[in-house]
C-alpha atoms as a PDB file:
ATOM      1  CA  UNK A   1     144.447  12.838-149.188  1.00  0.00           C
ATOM      2  CA  UNK A   2     143.365  15.593-151.539  1.00  0.00           C
ATOM      3  CA  UNK A   3     139.708  16.646-151.703  1.00  0.00           C
ATOM      4  CA  UNK A   4     139.187  15.330-155.252  1.00  0.00           C
ATOM      5  CA  UNK A   5     140.322  11.843-154.238  1.00  0.00           C
ATOM      6  CA  UNK A   6     138.217  11.992-151.085  1.00  0.00           C
ATOM      7  CA  UNK A   7     135.139  12.952-153.133  1.00  0.00           C
ATOM      8  CA  UNK A   8     135.813  10.114-155.587  1.00  0.00           C
ATOM      9  CA  UNK A   9     136.093   7.600-152.738  1.00  0.00           C
ATOM     10  CA  UNK A  10     132.906   8.902-151.132  1.00  0.00           C
ATOM     11  CA  UNK A  11     131.097   8.607-154.473  1.00  0.00           C
ATOM     12  CA  UNK A  12     132.361   5.031-154.900  1.00  0.00           C
ATOM     13  CA  UNK A  13     131.156   4.130-151.404  1.00  0.00           C
ATOM     14  CA  UNK A  14     127.757   5.708-152.139  1.00  0.00           C
ATOM     15  CA  UNK A  15     127.419   3.733-155.377  1.00  0.00           C
ATOM     16  CA  UNK A  16     128.293   0.543-153.533  1.00  0.00           C
ATOM     17  CA  UNK A  17     125.761   1.285-150.778  1.00  0.00           C
ATOM     18  CA  UNK A  18     123.020   1.995-153.323  1.00  0.00           C
ATOM     19  CA  UNK A  19     123.903  -1.181-155.231  1.00  0.00           C
ATOM     20  CA  UNK A  20     123.804  -3.195-152.039  1.00  0.00           C
ATOM     21  CA  UNK A  21     120.398  -1.787-151.079  1.00  0.00           C
ATOM     22  CA  UNK A  22     119.075  -2.587-154.560  1.00  0.00           C
ATOM     23  CA  UNK A  23     120.290  -6.191-154.249  1.00  0.00           C
ATOM     24  CA  UNK A  24     118.809  -6.536-150.757  1.00  0.00           C
ATOM     25  CA  UNK A  25     115.228  -5.738-151.647  1.00  0.00           C
ATOM     26  CA  UNK A  26     114.261  -8.286-148.980  1.00  0.00           C
ATOM     27  CA  UNK A  27     115.323  -5.768-146.344  1.00  0.00           C
ATOM     28  CA  UNK A  28     112.399  -3.462-145.764  1.00  0.00           C
ATOM     29  CA  UNK A  29     112.773   0.265-145.142  1.00  0.00           C
ATOM     30  CA  UNK A  30     111.173  -0.093-141.719  1.00  0.00           C
ATOM     31  CA  UNK A  31     113.880  -2.613-140.783  1.00  0.00           C
ATOM     32  CA  UNK A  32     116.554  -0.124-141.845  1.00  0.00           C
ATOM     33  CA  UNK A  33     114.850   2.653-139.888  1.00  0.00           C
ATOM     34  CA  UNK A  34     114.519   0.502-136.790  1.00  0.00           C
ATOM     35  CA  UNK A  35     118.142  -0.632-136.875  1.00  0.00           C
ATOM     36  CA  UNK A  36     120.018   2.296-138.379  1.00  0.00           C
ATOM     37  CA  UNK A  37     117.713   5.308-138.195  1.00  0.00           C
ATOM     38  CA  UNK A  38     117.671   5.824-141.963  1.00  0.00           C
ATOM     39  CA  UNK A  39     116.291   4.065-145.027  1.00  0.00           C
ATOM     40  CA  UNK A  40     116.273   4.259-148.812  1.00  0.00           C
ATOM     41  CA  UNK A  41     113.840   7.186-148.684  1.00  0.00           C
ATOM     42  CA  UNK A  42     116.164   9.101-146.361  1.00  0.00           C
ATOM     43  CA  UNK A  43     119.080   8.430-148.682  1.00  0.00           C
ATOM     44  CA  UNK A  44     117.100   9.665-151.673  1.00  0.00           C
ATOM     45  CA  UNK A  45     116.012  12.773-149.750  1.00  0.00           C
ATOM     46  CA  UNK A  46     119.640  13.551-148.865  1.00  0.00           C
ATOM     47  CA  UNK A  47     120.591  13.100-152.517  1.00  0.00           C
ATOM     48  CA  UNK A  48     117.799  15.438-153.604  1.00  0.00           C
ATOM     49  CA  UNK A  49     118.782  18.036-151.010  1.00  0.00           C
ATOM     50  CA  UNK A  50     122.425  17.919-152.156  1.00  0.00           C
ATOM     51  CA  UNK A  51     121.362  18.386-155.779  1.00  0.00           C
ATOM     52  CA  UNK A  52     119.012  21.242-154.924  1.00  0.00           C
ATOM     53  CA  UNK A  53     121.682  22.977-152.805  1.00  0.00           C
ATOM     54  CA  UNK A  54     123.821  23.042-155.939  1.00  0.00           C
ATOM     55  CA  UNK A  55     121.002  24.504-158.013  1.00  0.00           C
ATOM     56  CA  UNK A  56     120.265  21.223-159.794  1.00  0.00           C
ATOM     57  CA  UNK A  57     116.575  20.499-160.272  1.00  0.00           C
ATOM     58  CA  UNK A  58     115.816  17.061-158.850  1.00  0.00           C
ATOM     59  CA  UNK A  59     112.421  16.165-157.463  1.00  0.00           C
ATOM     60  CA  UNK A  60     111.548  13.553-154.856  1.00  0.00           C
ATOM     61  CA  UNK A  61     110.549  10.904-157.382  1.00  0.00           C
ATOM     62  CA  UNK A  62     113.674  11.435-159.474  1.00  0.00           C
ATOM     63  CA  UNK A  63     115.891  11.064-156.417  1.00  0.00           C
ATOM     64  CA  UNK A  64     114.037   7.930-155.347  1.00  0.00           C
ATOM     65  CA  UNK A  65     114.497   6.400-158.782  1.00  0.00           C
ATOM     66  CA  UNK A  66     118.254   6.978-158.473  1.00  0.00           C
ATOM     67  CA  UNK A  67     118.348   5.120-155.151  1.00  0.00           C
ATOM     68  CA  UNK A  68     115.794   2.392-155.897  1.00  0.00           C
ATOM     69  CA  UNK A  69     116.923   1.803-159.489  1.00  0.00           C
ATOM     70  CA  UNK A  70     113.325   2.039-160.678  1.00  0.00           C
ATOM     71  CA  UNK A  71     110.278   4.204-160.009  1.00  0.00           C
ATOM     72  CA  UNK A  72     109.396   4.088-156.324  1.00  0.00           C
ATOM     73  CA  UNK A  73     105.851   2.802-156.892  1.00  0.00           C
ATOM     74  CA  UNK A  74     107.227  -0.060-159.004  1.00  0.00           C
ATOM     75  CA  UNK A  75     109.688  -0.985-156.230  1.00  0.00           C
ATOM     76  CA  UNK A  76     106.910  -0.874-153.653  1.00  0.00           C
ATOM     77  CA  UNK A  77     104.693  -3.142-155.755  1.00  0.00           C
ATOM     78  CA  UNK A  78     107.508  -5.644-156.281  1.00  0.00           C
ATOM     79  CA  UNK A  79     109.235  -5.646-152.908  1.00  0.00           C
ATOM     80  CA  UNK A  80     107.445  -3.867-150.080  1.00  0.00           C
ATOM     81  CA  UNK A  81     105.521  -5.903-147.568  1.00  0.00           C
ATOM     82  CA  UNK A  82     103.142  -4.808-144.850  1.00  0.00           C
ATOM     83  CA  UNK A  83     104.998  -3.957-141.649  1.00  0.00           C
ATOM     84  CA  UNK A  84     104.342  -6.301-138.773  1.00  0.00           C
ATOM     85  CA  UNK A  85     102.903  -5.079-135.494  1.00  0.00           C
ATOM     86  CA  UNK A  86     106.324  -5.601-133.903  1.00  0.00           C
ATOM     87  CA  UNK A  87     108.049  -3.524-136.597  1.00  0.00           C
ATOM     88  CA  UNK A  88     105.528  -0.724-136.155  1.00  0.00           C
ATOM     89  CA  UNK A  89     106.010  -0.695-132.375  1.00  0.00           C
ATOM     90  CA  UNK A  90     109.798  -0.661-132.738  1.00  0.00           C
ATOM     91  CA  UNK A  91     109.525   2.191-135.251  1.00  0.00           C
ATOM     92  CA  UNK A  92     107.317   4.225-132.930  1.00  0.00           C
ATOM     93  CA  UNK A  93     109.732   3.670-130.025  1.00  0.00           C
ATOM     94  CA  UNK A  94     112.851   4.461-132.076  1.00  0.00           C
ATOM     95  CA  UNK A  95     111.981   8.078-132.761  1.00  0.00           C
ATOM     96  CA  UNK A  96     113.628   7.624-136.171  1.00  0.00           C
ATOM     97  CA  UNK A  97     110.571   9.069-137.900  1.00  0.00           C
ATOM     98  CA  UNK A  98     111.163  12.386-136.142  1.00  0.00           C
ATOM     99  CA  UNK A  99     114.474  13.167-137.881  1.00  0.00           C
END
């Protein structure tokens, strides 16, 4: 497979992942962190870092809006719930917050 096709397939998979995460607003970031070690914020940070490495100005909030499909604070107000004690314990044990 040539690199252009590979990049196109990777971009398609990324768009599908972002779309899936937007549809599954019931899944909280802490759940993603506890199960997979990354969340929407991580994904947006990686996107921002990739843009910045290429000299493209993209700030944290702009990258989050790309991933969340809306301003982050709006998403939080609409979808984020308070983490349970069990979720917080699992998060602390996972070490995911250290990466």
